[in-house]
C-alpha atoms as a PDB file:
ATOM      1  CA  MET A   1     -91.501 117.226 -77.549  1.00  0.00           C
ATOM      2  CA  GLY A   2     -88.912 114.502 -77.614  1.00  0.00           C
ATOM      3  CA  LYS A   3     -89.253 110.872 -76.686  1.00  0.00           C
ATOM      4  CA  ARG A   4     -88.344 109.273 -73.389  1.00  0.00           C
ATOM      5  CA  LEU A   5     -84.684 108.311 -73.333  1.00  0.00           C
ATOM      6  CA  ARG A   6     -83.520 104.728 -73.084  1.00  0.00           C
ATOM      7  CA  GLN A   7     -82.023 105.347 -69.639  1.00  0.00           C
ATOM      8  CA  GLN A   8     -85.337 106.719 -68.420  1.00  0.00           C
ATOM      9  CA  ARG A   9     -87.354 103.818 -69.828  1.00  0.00           C
ATOM     10  CA  ALA A  10     -85.000 101.290 -68.246  1.00  0.00           C
ATOM     11  CA  GLY A  11     -85.325 102.932 -64.851  1.00  0.00           C
ATOM     12  CA  ARG A  12     -89.105 102.861 -64.994  1.00  0.00           C
ATOM     13  CA  GLY A  13     -89.248  99.065 -64.761  1.00  0.00           C
ATOM     14  CA  SER A  14     -91.297  98.335 -67.879  1.00  0.00           C
ATOM     15  CA  SER A  15     -91.679  94.794 -69.208  1.00  0.00           C
ATOM     16  CA  THR A  16     -89.068  95.508 -71.893  1.00  0.00           C
ATOM     17  CA  PHE A  17     -86.303  95.805 -69.310  1.00  0.00           C
ATOM     18  CA  ILE A  18     -87.445  93.224 -66.724  1.00  0.00           C
ATOM     19  CA  ALA A  19     -85.388  90.047 -66.490  1.00  0.00           C
ATOM     20  CA  PRO A  20     -87.424  86.993 -67.607  1.00  0.00           C
ATOM     21  CA  THR A  21     -87.103  85.147 -64.307  1.00  0.00           C
ATOM     22  CA  TRP A  22     -90.109  82.942 -65.092  1.00  0.00           C
ATOM     23  CA  ARG A  23     -87.916  81.035 -67.556  1.00  0.00           C
ATOM     24  CA  ARG A  24     -85.509  79.868 -64.873  1.00  0.00           C
ATOM     25  CA  ILE A  25     -85.599  76.207 -63.924  1.00  0.00           C
ATOM     26  CA  ALA A  26     -84.709  76.363 -60.237  1.00  0.00           C
ATOM     27  CA  PRO A  27     -82.480  78.240 -57.769  1.00  0.00           C
ATOM     28  CA  ILE A  28     -78.898  77.359 -58.724  1.00  0.00           C
ATOM     29  CA  LYS A  29     -77.240  77.173 -55.315  1.00  0.00           C
ATOM     30  CA  TYR A  30     -76.171  74.684 -52.690  1.00  0.00           C
ATOM     31  CA  PRO A  31     -79.284  73.911 -50.609  1.00  0.00           C
ATOM     32  CA  SER A  32     -79.167  74.644 -46.889  1.00  0.00           C
ATOM     33  CA  TRP A  33     -79.712  70.997 -45.949  1.00  0.00           C
ATOM     34  CA  LEU A  34     -76.562  70.017 -47.882  1.00  0.00           C
ATOM     35  CA  HIS A  35     -74.353  71.567 -45.203  1.00  0.00           C
ATOM     36  CA  GLU A  36     -76.130  69.554 -42.513  1.00  0.00           C
ATOM     37  CA  LEU A  37     -75.546  66.321 -44.439  1.00  0.00           C
ATOM     38  CA  ILE A  38     -71.849  67.088 -44.846  1.00  0.00           C
ATOM     39  CA  GLU A  39     -71.381  68.000 -41.180  1.00  0.00           C
ATOM     40  CA  ASN A  40     -73.225  64.897 -39.929  1.00  0.00           C
ATOM     41  CA  SER A  41     -71.658  62.392 -42.328  1.00  0.00           C
ATOM     42  CA  GLU A  42     -68.137  61.080 -41.941  1.00  0.00           C
ATOM     43  CA  GLN A  43     -68.122  59.366 -45.340  1.00  0.00           C
ATOM     44  CA  PRO A  44     -68.677  61.149 -48.681  1.00  0.00           C
ATOM     45  CA  ILE A  45     -72.271  61.138 -49.920  1.00  0.00           C
ATOM     46  CA  LYS A  46     -72.779  59.542 -53.314  1.00  0.00           C
ATOM     47  CA  GLY A  47     -74.869  61.399 -55.887  1.00  0.00           C
ATOM     48  CA  ILE A  48     -75.981  60.636 -59.438  1.00  0.00           C
ATOM     49  CA  VAL A  49     -76.208  63.146 -62.281  1.00  0.00           C
ATOM     50  CA  LYS A  50     -79.841  62.548 -63.158  1.00  0.00           C
ATOM     51  CA  GLU A  51     -80.158  65.123 -65.920  1.00  0.00           C
ATOM     52  CA  ILE A  52     -78.172  67.829 -67.717  1.00  0.00           C
ATOM     53  CA  ASP A  53     -80.284  70.767 -68.842  1.00  0.00           C
ATOM     54  CA  SER A  54     -79.897  74.305 -70.181  1.00  0.00           C
ATOM     55  CA  GLU A  55     -81.463  77.490 -68.847  1.00  0.00           C
ATOM     56  CA  SER A  56     -82.528  80.580 -70.767  1.00  0.00           C
ATOM     57  CA  GLY A  57     -79.988  83.370 -70.420  1.00  0.00           C
ATOM     58  CA  ARG A  58     -77.302  81.124 -68.866  1.00  0.00           C
ATOM     59  CA  GLU A  59     -74.433  79.867 -70.995  1.00  0.00           C
ATOM     60  CA  ALA A  60     -73.334  77.173 -68.549  1.00  0.00           C
ATOM     61  CA  PRO A  61     -75.392  73.941 -68.500  1.00  0.00           C
ATOM     62  CA  LEU A  62     -77.093  72.756 -65.314  1.00  0.00           C
ATOM     63  CA  ALA A  63     -76.886  69.344 -63.660  1.00  0.00           C
ATOM     64  CA  LEU A  64     -79.632  67.772 -61.557  1.00  0.00           C
ATOM     65  CA  ILE A  65     -77.932  65.861 -58.723  1.00  0.00           C
ATOM     66  CA  SER A  66     -79.961  63.090 -57.073  1.00  0.00           C
ATOM     67  CA  LEU A  67     -78.898  61.678 -53.692  1.00  0.00           C
ATOM     68  CA  GLY A  68     -79.668  58.254 -52.312  1.00  0.00           C
ATOM     69  CA  ASP A  69     -82.336  59.498 -49.878  1.00  0.00           C
ATOM     70  CA  GLY A  70     -84.440  60.974 -52.690  1.00  0.00           C
ATOM     71  CA  LYS A  71     -83.285  64.568 -52.311  1.00  0.00           C
ATOM     72  CA  GLU A  72     -82.379  66.485 -55.452  1.00  0.00           C
ATOM     73  CA  PHE A  73     -80.888  69.864 -56.297  1.00  0.00           C
ATOM     74  CA  TYR A  74     -79.663  71.748 -59.362  1.00  0.00           C
ATOM     75  CA  THR A  75     -76.086  72.939 -59.653  1.00  0.00           C
ATOM     76  CA  ILE A  76     -73.759  74.237 -62.363  1.00  0.00           C
ATOM     77  CA  ALA A  77     -72.367  71.382 -64.442  1.00  0.00           C
ATOM     78  CA  ALA A  78     -68.645  70.700 -64.461  1.00  0.00           C
ATOM     79  CA  GLU A  79     -66.771  69.983 -67.661  1.00  0.00           C
ATOM     80  CA  GLY A  80     -66.496  66.226 -68.182  1.00  0.00           C
ATOM     81  CA  ILE A  81     -69.577  64.986 -66.321  1.00  0.00           C
ATOM     82  CA  PHE A  82     -72.470  63.267 -68.095  1.00  0.00           C
ATOM     83  CA  GLU A  83     -75.877  61.823 -67.298  1.00  0.00           C
ATOM     84  CA  LYS A  84     -75.837  58.852 -64.873  1.00  0.00           C
ATOM     85  CA  SER A  85     -72.272  59.659 -63.835  1.00  0.00           C
ATOM     86  CA  GLU A  86     -71.348  59.621 -60.150  1.00  0.00           C
ATOM     87  CA  CYS A  87     -70.314  62.536 -57.983  1.00  0.00           C
ATOM     88  CA  PHE A  88     -69.413  62.694 -54.298  1.00  0.00           C
ATOM     89  CA  ILE A  89     -70.299  65.290 -51.699  1.00  0.00           C
ATOM     90  CA  GLY A  90     -68.492  65.578 -48.369  1.00  0.00           C
ATOM     91  CA  LYS A  91     -65.414  66.690 -46.499  1.00  0.00           C
ATOM     92  CA  ASN A  92     -62.894  64.269 -48.001  1.00  0.00           C
ATOM     93  CA  VAL A  93     -63.844  63.513 -51.585  1.00  0.00           C
ATOM     94  CA  PRO A  94     -61.639  62.456 -54.527  1.00  0.00           C
ATOM     95  CA  ILE A  95     -60.175  65.301 -56.571  1.00  0.00           C
ATOM     96  CA  LYS A  96     -62.497  64.733 -59.514  1.00  0.00           C
ATOM     97  CA  ALA A  97     -64.575  67.092 -61.646  1.00  0.00           C
ATOM     98  CA  GLY A  98     -68.097  67.498 -60.315  1.00  0.00           C
ATOM     99  CA  ASN A  99     -67.408  66.586 -56.680  1.00  0.00           C
ATOM    100  CA  ILE A 100     -68.594  69.084 -54.055  1.00  0.00           C
ATOM    101  CA  THR A 101     -66.595  69.663 -50.897  1.00  0.00           C
ATOM    102  CA  GLN A 102     -65.409  72.237 -48.375  1.00  0.00           C
ATOM    103  CA  ILE A 103     -62.528  74.343 -49.683  1.00  0.00           C
ATOM    104  CA  GLY A 104     -60.569  73.781 -46.483  1.00  0.00           C
ATOM    105  CA  SER A 105     -60.002  70.129 -47.432  1.00  0.00           C
ATOM    106  CA  LEU A 106     -58.615  70.812 -50.913  1.00  0.00           C
ATOM    107  CA  PRO A 107     -54.899  70.818 -51.757  1.00  0.00           C
ATOM    108  CA  GLU A 108     -53.207  73.846 -53.251  1.00  0.00           C
ATOM    109  CA  GLY A 109     -53.608  74.213 -57.012  1.00  0.00           C
ATOM    110  CA  THR A 110     -57.043  72.577 -57.213  1.00  0.00           C
ATOM    111  CA  LEU A 111     -59.401  74.109 -59.783  1.00  0.00           C
ATOM    112  CA  ILE A 112     -62.806  74.964 -58.334  1.00  0.00           C
ATOM    113  CA  PHE A 113     -65.958  76.951 -59.175  1.00  0.00           C
ATOM    114  CA  ASN A 114     -69.319  78.001 -57.703  1.00  0.00           C
ATOM    115  CA  ILE A 115     -67.634  79.092 -54.469  1.00  0.00           C
ATOM    116  CA  GLU A 116     -69.499  80.328 -51.421  1.00  0.00           C
ATOM    117  CA  ARG A 117     -68.576  83.823 -50.266  1.00  0.00           C
ATOM    118  CA  ARG A 118     -69.825  83.113 -46.756  1.00  0.00           C
ATOM    119  CA  TYR A 119     -70.710  79.856 -45.097  1.00  0.00           C
ATOM    120  CA  ALA A 120     -74.048  78.463 -46.379  1.00  0.00           C
ATOM    121  CA  ASP A 121     -74.836  81.329 -48.788  1.00  0.00           C
ATOM    122  CA  GLY A 122     -75.329  78.885 -51.684  1.00  0.00           C
ATOM    123  CA  GLY A 123     -72.443  79.917 -53.943  1.00  0.00           C
ATOM    124  CA  LYS A 124     -71.517  83.379 -55.243  1.00  0.00           C
ATOM    125  CA  PHE A 125     -68.137  83.312 -57.000  1.00  0.00           C
ATOM    126  CA  VAL A 126     -67.070  81.829 -60.381  1.00  0.00           C
ATOM    127  CA  ARG A 127     -70.348  80.818 -62.018  1.00  0.00           C
ATOM    128  CA  ALA A 128     -69.789  81.773 -65.688  1.00  0.00           C
ATOM    129  CA  ALA A 129     -69.271  79.192 -68.438  1.00  0.00           C
ATOM    130  CA  GLY A 130     -65.663  78.071 -68.845  1.00  0.00           C
ATOM    131  CA  SER A 131     -64.397  79.868 -65.725  1.00  0.00           C
ATOM    132  CA  TYR A 132     -62.570  78.498 -62.697  1.00  0.00           C
ATOM    133  CA  ALA A 133     -60.694  79.609 -59.612  1.00  0.00           C
ATOM    134  CA  THR A 134     -57.624  78.092 -57.969  1.00  0.00           C
ATOM    135  CA  VAL A 135     -56.938  77.145 -54.364  1.00  0.00           C
ATOM    136  CA  PHE A 136     -53.897  79.331 -53.689  1.00  0.00           C
ATOM    137  CA  SER A 137     -52.966  78.286 -50.148  1.00  0.00           C
ATOM    138  CA  GLN A 138     -54.346  76.941 -46.880  1.00  0.00           C
ATOM    139  CA  THR A 139     -53.853  79.021 -43.730  1.00  0.00           C
ATOM    140  CA  ILE A 140     -54.779  78.512 -40.097  1.00  0.00           C
ATOM    141  CA  ASP A 141     -57.799  80.808 -40.177  1.00  0.00           C
ATOM    142  CA  GLY A 142     -59.009  80.311 -43.777  1.00  0.00           C
ATOM    143  CA  THR A 143     -58.387  79.326 -47.385  1.00  0.00           C
ATOM    144  CA  ILE A 144     -56.917  81.755 -49.919  1.00  0.00           C
ATOM    145  CA  VAL A 145     -58.476  81.419 -53.372  1.00  0.00           C
ATOM    146  CA  SER A 146     -57.279  83.011 -56.610  1.00  0.00           C
ATOM    147  CA  LEU A 147     -60.270  84.244 -58.641  1.00  0.00           C
ATOM    148  CA  PRO A 148     -60.305  84.414 -62.472  1.00  0.00           C
ATOM    149  CA  SER A 149     -59.514  88.141 -62.237  1.00  0.00           C
ATOM    150  CA  GLY A 150     -56.309  87.326 -60.333  1.00  0.00           C
ATOM    151  CA  LYS A 151     -57.579  88.743 -57.052  1.00  0.00           C
ATOM    152  CA  LEU A 152     -56.784  86.743 -53.909  1.00  0.00           C
ATOM    153  CA  ILE A 153     -59.499  86.395 -51.266  1.00  0.00           C
ATOM    154  CA  LYS A 154     -59.567  84.586 -47.935  1.00  0.00           C
ATOM    155  CA  LEU A 155     -62.640  82.447 -47.269  1.00  0.00           C
ATOM    156  CA  ASP A 156     -63.988  80.294 -44.469  1.00  0.00           C
ATOM    157  CA  LYS A 157     -62.679  76.734 -44.699  1.00  0.00           C
ATOM    158  CA  ARG A 158     -66.260  75.432 -44.424  1.00  0.00           C
ATOM    159  CA  CYS A 159     -67.404  77.170 -47.621  1.00  0.00           C
ATOM    160  CA  LEU A 160     -68.482  74.769 -50.349  1.00  0.00           C
ATOM    161  CA  ALA A 161     -67.133  74.641 -53.901  1.00  0.00           C
ATOM    162  CA  THR A 162     -67.291  72.278 -56.863  1.00  0.00           C
ATOM    163  CA  ILE A 163     -64.095  70.746 -58.225  1.00  0.00           C
ATOM    164  CA  GLY A 164     -63.249  71.310 -61.885  1.00  0.00           C
ATOM    165  CA  VAL A 165     -64.022  73.813 -64.646  1.00  0.00           C
ATOM    166  CA  ILE A 166     -67.512  75.002 -65.585  1.00  0.00           C
ATOM    167  CA  ALA A 167     -68.799  73.418 -68.793  1.00  0.00           C
ATOM    168  CA  GLY A 168     -69.840  75.431 -71.847  1.00  0.00           C
ATOM    169  CA  GLY A 169     -66.653  77.454 -72.143  1.00  0.00           C
ATOM    170  CA  GLY A 170     -66.496  77.137 -75.934  1.00  0.00           C
ATOM    171  CA  LYS A 171     -69.908  78.665 -76.526  1.00  0.00           C
ATOM    172  CA  ILE A 172     -68.641  82.224 -76.813  1.00  0.00           C
ATOM    173  CA  GLU A 173     -66.083  81.167 -79.452  1.00  0.00           C
ATOM    174  CA  LYS A 174     -68.800  80.429 -82.007  1.00  0.00           C
ATOM    175  CA  PRO A 175     -69.647  83.549 -84.042  1.00  0.00           C
ATOM    176  CA  LEU A 176     -73.224  84.835 -84.052  1.00  0.00           C
ATOM    177  CA  LEU A 177     -73.213  85.082 -87.899  1.00  0.00           C
ATOM    178  CA  LYS A 178     -76.425  87.113 -88.093  1.00  0.00           C
ATOM    179  CA  ALA A 179     -78.155  89.876 -86.188  1.00  0.00           C
ATOM    180  CA  GLY A 180     -81.129  87.722 -85.227  1.00  0.00           C
ATOM    181  CA  LYS A 181     -78.938  85.583 -82.971  1.00  0.00           C
ATOM    182  CA  LYS A 182     -77.807  88.649 -81.050  1.00  0.00           C
ATOM    183  CA  TYR A 183     -81.419  89.801 -80.726  1.00  0.00           C
ATOM    184  CA  HIS A 184     -82.553  86.557 -79.094  1.00  0.00           C
ATOM    185  CA  ILE A 185     -79.563  86.565 -76.742  1.00  0.00           C
ATOM    186  CA  SER A 186     -80.476  90.080 -75.650  1.00  0.00           C
ATOM    187  CA  LYS A 187     -84.065  89.009 -74.967  1.00  0.00           C
ATOM    188  CA  ALA A 188     -82.926  86.064 -72.830  1.00  0.00           C
ATOM    189  CA  LYS A 189     -80.481  88.166 -70.835  1.00  0.00           C
ATOM    190  CA  SER A 190     -82.738  91.230 -70.694  1.00  0.00           C
ATOM    191  CA  PHE A 191     -80.524  93.896 -72.214  1.00  0.00           C
ATOM    192  CA  LYS A 192     -81.613  96.230 -74.989  1.00  0.00           C
ATOM    193  CA  TRP A 193     -80.216  95.577 -78.466  1.00  0.00           C
ATOM    194  CA  PRO A 194     -79.624  97.088 -80.967  1.00  0.00           C
ATOM    195  CA  THR A 195     -78.552 100.388 -79.435  1.00  0.00           C
ATOM    196  CA  VAL A 196     -78.262 103.729 -81.197  1.00  0.00           C
ATOM    197  CA  ARG A 197     -75.770 106.438 -80.234  1.00  0.00           C
ATOM    198  CA  GLY A 198     -77.306 109.546 -78.815  1.00  0.00           C
ATOM    199  CA  LYS A 199     -75.357 111.855 -81.137  1.00  0.00           C
ATOM    200  CA  ALA A 200     -76.726 109.976 -84.157  1.00  0.00           C
ATOM    201  CA  MET A 201     -80.300 110.987 -83.211  1.00  0.00           C
ATOM    202  CA  TYR A 202     -82.285 114.131 -83.858  1.00  0.00           C
ATOM    203  CA  ALA A 203     -81.985 116.909 -81.331  1.00  0.00           C
ATOM    204  CA  ALA A 204     -85.565 116.225 -80.193  1.00  0.00           C
ATOM    205  CA  SER A 205     -84.814 112.569 -79.438  1.00  0.00           C
ATOM    206  CA  HIS A 206     -81.710 112.902 -77.291  1.00  0.00           C
ATOM    207  CA  PRO A 207     -79.682 115.645 -75.590  1.00  0.00           C
ATOM    208  CA  HIS A 208     -76.629 114.560 -77.596  1.00  0.00           C
ATOM    209  CA  GLY A 209     -78.489 114.735 -80.927  1.00  0.00           C
ATOM    210  CA  GLY A 210     -78.461 117.405 -83.585  1.00  0.00           C
ATOM    211  CA  GLY A 211     -75.639 119.337 -85.125  1.00  0.00           C
ATOM    212  CA  ALA A 212     -73.121 118.410 -87.794  1.00  0.00           C
ATOM    213  CA  HIS A 213     -72.030 114.799 -88.009  1.00  0.00           C
ATOM    214  CA  PRO A 214     -70.037 113.358 -86.274  1.00  0.00           C
ATOM    215  CA  LYS A 215     -69.896 116.138 -83.697  1.00  0.00           C
ATOM    216  CA  GLY A 216     -72.773 118.082 -82.247  1.00  0.00           C
ATOM    217  CA  GLY A 217     -75.001 118.188 -79.233  1.00  0.00           C
ATOM    218  CA  ARG A 218     -73.616 118.374 -75.721  1.00  0.00           C
ATOM    219  CA  PRO A 219     -70.302 116.762 -74.752  1.00  0.00           C
ATOM    220  CA  VAL A 220     -70.371 113.433 -72.951  1.00  0.00           C
ATOM    221  CA  LYS A 221     -68.090 113.108 -69.948  1.00  0.00           C
ATOM    222  CA  LYS A 222     -69.934 110.753 -67.591  1.00  0.00           C
ATOM    223  CA  THR A 223     -72.476 107.981 -67.786  1.00  0.00           C
ATOM    224  CA  SER A 224     -75.786 108.295 -65.972  1.00  0.00           C
ATOM    225  CA  PRO A 225     -77.867 105.805 -64.007  1.00  0.00           C
ATOM    226  CA  PRO A 226     -81.322 104.895 -65.361  1.00  0.00           C
ATOM    227  CA  GLY A 227     -83.840 107.723 -65.221  1.00  0.00           C
ATOM    228  CA  LYS A 228     -81.282 110.445 -64.605  1.00  0.00           C
ATOM    229  CA  LYS A 229     -79.965 113.340 -66.660  1.00  0.00           C
ATOM    230  CA  VAL A 230     -77.875 112.405 -69.696  1.00  0.00           C
ATOM    231  CA  GLY A 231     -74.600 113.983 -70.644  1.00  0.00           C
ATOM    232  CA  TYR A 232     -72.115 116.221 -68.899  1.00  0.00           C
ATOM    233  CA  TYR A 233     -73.338 117.154 -65.443  1.00  0.00           C
ATOM    234  CA  GLY A 234     -70.068 117.554 -63.548  1.00  0.00           C
ATOM    235  CA  PRO A 235     -68.421 120.908 -62.829  1.00  0.00           C
ATOM    236  CA  ARG A 236     -66.466 122.314 -65.751  1.00  0.00           C
ATOM    237  CA  ARG A 237     -63.913 123.798 -63.364  1.00  0.00           C
ATOM    238  CA  THR A 238     -63.131 124.002 -59.656  1.00  0.00           C
ATOM    239  CA  GLY A 239     -61.482 126.504 -57.358  1.00  0.00           C
ATOM    240  CA  ARG A 240     -61.464 130.279 -57.325  1.00  0.00           C
ATOM    241  CA  ARG A 241     -61.524 132.062 -60.650  1.00  0.00           C
ATOM    242  CA  LYS A 242     -58.306 133.900 -61.412  1.00  0.00           C
ATOM    243  CA  GLY A 243     -58.456 137.589 -62.155  1.00  0.00           C
END
């Protein structure tokens, strides 16, 4: 009797494959009350970067923004900000890294990140370290934004975004140097490492195993979701058989 496959163990929801959410500091999104402040205030709201912190499994650093009325929230840090630096939140803010504003008030060519997909959803697009999007054009019924992939999307002018480039972009340029580094990264991000090819296993351990190296086992044509059958499960041919 063979062992349970990796895909099956991942689909079961064991502690090995559960994301370590208890290590997260706070929800990294624009709070709901921030939209109310922006709508009700004619002048930009001044905030102070109280602290810059790191979170397990996230390459980009986090910034704790403190407002004058005592309210605080965590957001993704922009490249160039530092502790006790100022940032402004509102409709008409200076084009400066770290300022938060509605995308409808930004000129074309502005670099932005942590963009809301829909109004008041907290921020969905462009949240990885070193990434940024560009305000492509302003139209009557929305703002067209160019994502890092090159795709153009039209968004509500009231959607919030942060000006600048996300900090921590150079982190991936440093080599890991040893296998232990990769192991700890996999634990923080909850993916299994190291991985072994199915065809390198015994026949009892995996459907692809067994047979002469490097070939053997069953052919692989498609990938399978967790817990499902492994290997080729599509039709080998279609249509009526000739003859």
